[in-house]
Amino acid sequence: MESLYLLIPMSIVLVFFFGVLFWWSTRSGQFDDMEGPAHRILMDDDRAGNEMPSEDKPKA
């Protein structure tokens, strides 16, 4: 029974902390675009042809 005197205030503080963390993340724009990164990973940055860029070419 004595443990409830410790666990209840700790749980209230923990819920308040997670609430503040969630509020901060929504205000800072963490959840603005949920689909953009998922689509962006599928769009390759293919170059025309199969040539290597000049900085990647092996030096002779």
N, C-alpha and C. Protein backbone atom coordinates (compact mmCIF):
# COMPACT_ATOMS: atom_id res chain seq x y z
N MET A 1 0.82 -1.19 0.00
CA MET A 1 0.00 0.00 0.00
C MET A 1 0.86 1.26 0.00
N GLU A 2 1.99 1.20 0.69
CA GLU A 2 2.87 2.35 0.74
C GLU A 2 3.50 2.64 -0.61
N SER A 3 3.62 1.62 -1.44
CA SER A 3 4.21 1.84 -2.76
C SER A 3 3.33 2.69 -3.65
N LEU A 4 2.00 2.68 -3.40
CA LEU A 4 1.10 3.53 -4.18
C LEU A 4 1.36 5.01 -3.96
N TYR A 5 1.84 5.36 -2.77
CA TYR A 5 2.17 6.76 -2.50
C TYR A 5 3.33 7.24 -3.37
N LEU A 6 4.13 6.33 -3.82
CA LEU A 6 5.24 6.66 -4.70
C LEU A 6 4.87 6.48 -6.17
N LEU A 7 4.16 5.41 -6.50
CA LEU A 7 3.88 5.09 -7.89
C LEU A 7 2.86 6.04 -8.54
N ILE A 8 1.85 6.48 -7.82
CA ILE A 8 0.85 7.36 -8.40
C ILE A 8 1.44 8.72 -8.77
N PRO A 9 2.18 9.39 -7.91
CA PRO A 9 2.79 10.66 -8.33
C PRO A 9 3.81 10.48 -9.45
N MET A 10 4.56 9.38 -9.42
CA MET A 10 5.52 9.14 -10.50
C MET A 10 4.81 8.94 -11.83
N SER A 11 3.68 8.24 -11.84
CA SER A 11 2.96 8.03 -13.08
C SER A 11 2.35 9.33 -13.59
N ILE A 12 1.89 10.18 -12.68
CA ILE A 12 1.34 11.48 -13.10
C ILE A 12 2.43 12.35 -13.72
N VAL A 13 3.61 12.35 -13.12
CA VAL A 13 4.73 13.12 -13.67
C VAL A 13 5.14 12.55 -15.02
N LEU A 14 5.15 11.24 -15.16
CA LEU A 14 5.52 10.61 -16.42
C LEU A 14 4.52 10.93 -17.52
N VAL A 15 3.23 10.89 -17.22
CA VAL A 15 2.21 11.25 -18.20
C VAL A 15 2.34 12.71 -18.60
N PHE A 16 2.59 13.58 -17.64
CA PHE A 16 2.78 15.00 -17.94
C PHE A 16 4.00 15.20 -18.84
N PHE A 17 5.10 14.48 -18.56
CA PHE A 17 6.31 14.57 -19.38
C PHE A 17 6.04 14.13 -20.82
N PHE A 18 5.35 13.01 -21.00
CA PHE A 18 5.04 12.54 -22.35
C PHE A 18 4.08 13.49 -23.05
N GLY A 19 3.17 14.10 -22.32
CA GLY A 19 2.27 15.08 -22.92
C GLY A 19 3.02 16.30 -23.43
N VAL A 20 3.96 16.79 -22.62
CA VAL A 20 4.77 17.93 -23.05
C VAL A 20 5.64 17.55 -24.23
N LEU A 21 6.21 16.37 -24.23
CA LEU A 21 7.03 15.90 -25.34
C LEU A 21 6.21 15.79 -26.63
N PHE A 22 5.00 15.26 -26.53
CA PHE A 22 4.13 15.16 -27.71
C PHE A 22 3.72 16.54 -28.20
N TRP A 23 3.39 17.45 -27.29
CA TRP A 23 3.01 18.81 -27.67
C TRP A 23 4.17 19.50 -28.37
N TRP A 24 5.38 19.35 -27.86
CA TRP A 24 6.55 19.96 -28.48
C TRP A 24 6.78 19.41 -29.87
N SER A 25 6.63 18.10 -30.05
CA SER A 25 6.90 17.49 -31.35
C SER A 25 5.86 17.92 -32.39
N THR A 26 4.62 18.09 -31.98
CA THR A 26 3.61 18.55 -32.95
C THR A 26 3.81 20.02 -33.29
N ARG A 27 4.23 20.83 -32.33
CA ARG A 27 4.46 22.26 -32.59
C ARG A 27 5.70 22.48 -33.45
N SER A 28 6.68 21.59 -33.37
CA SER A 28 7.91 21.78 -34.13
C SER A 28 7.82 21.18 -35.54
N GLY A 29 6.69 20.57 -35.89
CA GLY A 29 6.50 20.09 -37.25
C GLY A 29 6.95 18.66 -37.49
N GLN A 30 7.06 17.85 -36.47
CA GLN A 30 7.50 16.48 -36.64
C GLN A 30 6.49 15.63 -37.42
N PHE A 31 5.22 15.99 -37.34
CA PHE A 31 4.18 15.18 -37.96
C PHE A 31 3.51 15.89 -39.13
N ASP A 32 4.17 16.87 -39.73
CA ASP A 32 3.55 17.62 -40.81
C ASP A 32 3.36 16.77 -42.07
N ASP A 33 4.40 16.10 -42.50
CA ASP A 33 4.33 15.34 -43.74
C ASP A 33 4.68 13.89 -43.45
N MET A 34 3.66 13.06 -43.30
CA MET A 34 3.90 11.67 -42.97
C MET A 34 4.16 10.81 -44.23
N GLU A 35 3.71 11.24 -45.40
CA GLU A 35 3.85 10.42 -46.60
C GLU A 35 5.04 10.83 -47.46
N GLY A 36 5.53 12.04 -47.31
CA GLY A 36 6.62 12.53 -48.14
C GLY A 36 7.88 11.68 -48.07
N PRO A 37 8.42 11.39 -46.88
CA PRO A 37 9.63 10.58 -46.82
C PRO A 37 9.43 9.16 -47.36
N ALA A 38 8.24 8.61 -47.20
CA ALA A 38 7.98 7.27 -47.72
C ALA A 38 8.00 7.25 -49.24
N HIS A 39 7.50 8.31 -49.87
CA HIS A 39 7.52 8.38 -51.33
C HIS A 39 8.89 8.80 -51.85
N ARG A 40 9.59 9.63 -51.09
CA ARG A 40 10.88 10.13 -51.53
C ARG A 40 11.92 9.03 -51.61
N ILE A 41 11.80 8.01 -50.75
CA ILE A 41 12.80 6.94 -50.78
C ILE A 41 12.64 6.08 -52.04
N LEU A 42 11.45 6.09 -52.63
CA LEU A 42 11.23 5.31 -53.84
C LEU A 42 11.68 6.04 -55.10
N MET A 43 11.81 7.34 -55.04
CA MET A 43 12.22 8.12 -56.20
C MET A 43 13.74 8.16 -56.27
N ASP A 44 14.29 7.39 -57.20
CA ASP A 44 15.74 7.35 -57.36
C ASP A 44 16.21 8.60 -58.10
N ASP A 45 17.44 8.95 -57.85
CA ASP A 45 18.04 10.08 -58.52
C ASP A 45 18.91 9.54 -59.65
N ASP A 46 18.27 8.89 -60.64
CA ASP A 46 19.01 8.26 -61.73
C ASP A 46 19.61 9.32 -62.64
N ARG A 47 20.83 9.04 -63.09
CA ARG A 47 21.50 9.93 -64.03
C ARG A 47 21.25 9.39 -65.43
N ALA A 48 21.34 10.28 -66.41
CA ALA A 48 21.17 9.87 -67.80
C ALA A 48 22.37 9.01 -68.20
N GLY A 49 22.11 7.86 -68.71
CA GLY A 49 23.18 6.96 -69.12
C GLY A 49 23.79 6.23 -67.95
N ASN A 50 24.83 5.49 -68.23
CA ASN A 50 25.50 4.72 -67.19
C ASN A 50 26.89 5.25 -66.88
N GLU A 51 27.16 6.48 -67.24
CA GLU A 51 28.50 7.02 -67.00
C GLU A 51 28.67 7.41 -65.54
N MET A 52 29.89 7.30 -65.09
CA MET A 52 30.21 7.66 -63.72
C MET A 52 30.52 9.15 -63.65
N PRO A 53 30.17 9.82 -62.59
CA PRO A 53 30.56 11.23 -62.46
C PRO A 53 32.08 11.35 -62.35
N SER A 54 32.59 12.52 -62.65
CA SER A 54 34.05 12.69 -62.74
C SER A 54 34.75 12.42 -61.42
N GLU A 55 34.12 12.73 -60.27
CA GLU A 55 34.80 12.48 -59.01
C GLU A 55 34.84 11.01 -58.64
N ASP A 56 33.97 10.18 -59.26
CA ASP A 56 33.94 8.75 -58.95
C ASP A 56 34.77 7.92 -59.94
N LYS A 57 35.28 8.54 -61.00
CA LYS A 57 36.03 7.79 -62.00
C LYS A 57 37.39 7.41 -61.41
N PRO A 58 37.82 6.18 -61.68
CA PRO A 58 39.15 5.78 -61.20
C PRO A 58 40.24 6.56 -61.93
N LYS A 59 41.26 6.94 -61.20
CA LYS A 59 42.36 7.70 -61.79
C LYS A 59 43.38 6.72 -62.36
N ALA A 60 43.82 7.03 -63.57
CA ALA A 60 44.76 6.15 -64.25
C ALA A 60 46.19 6.53 -63.99
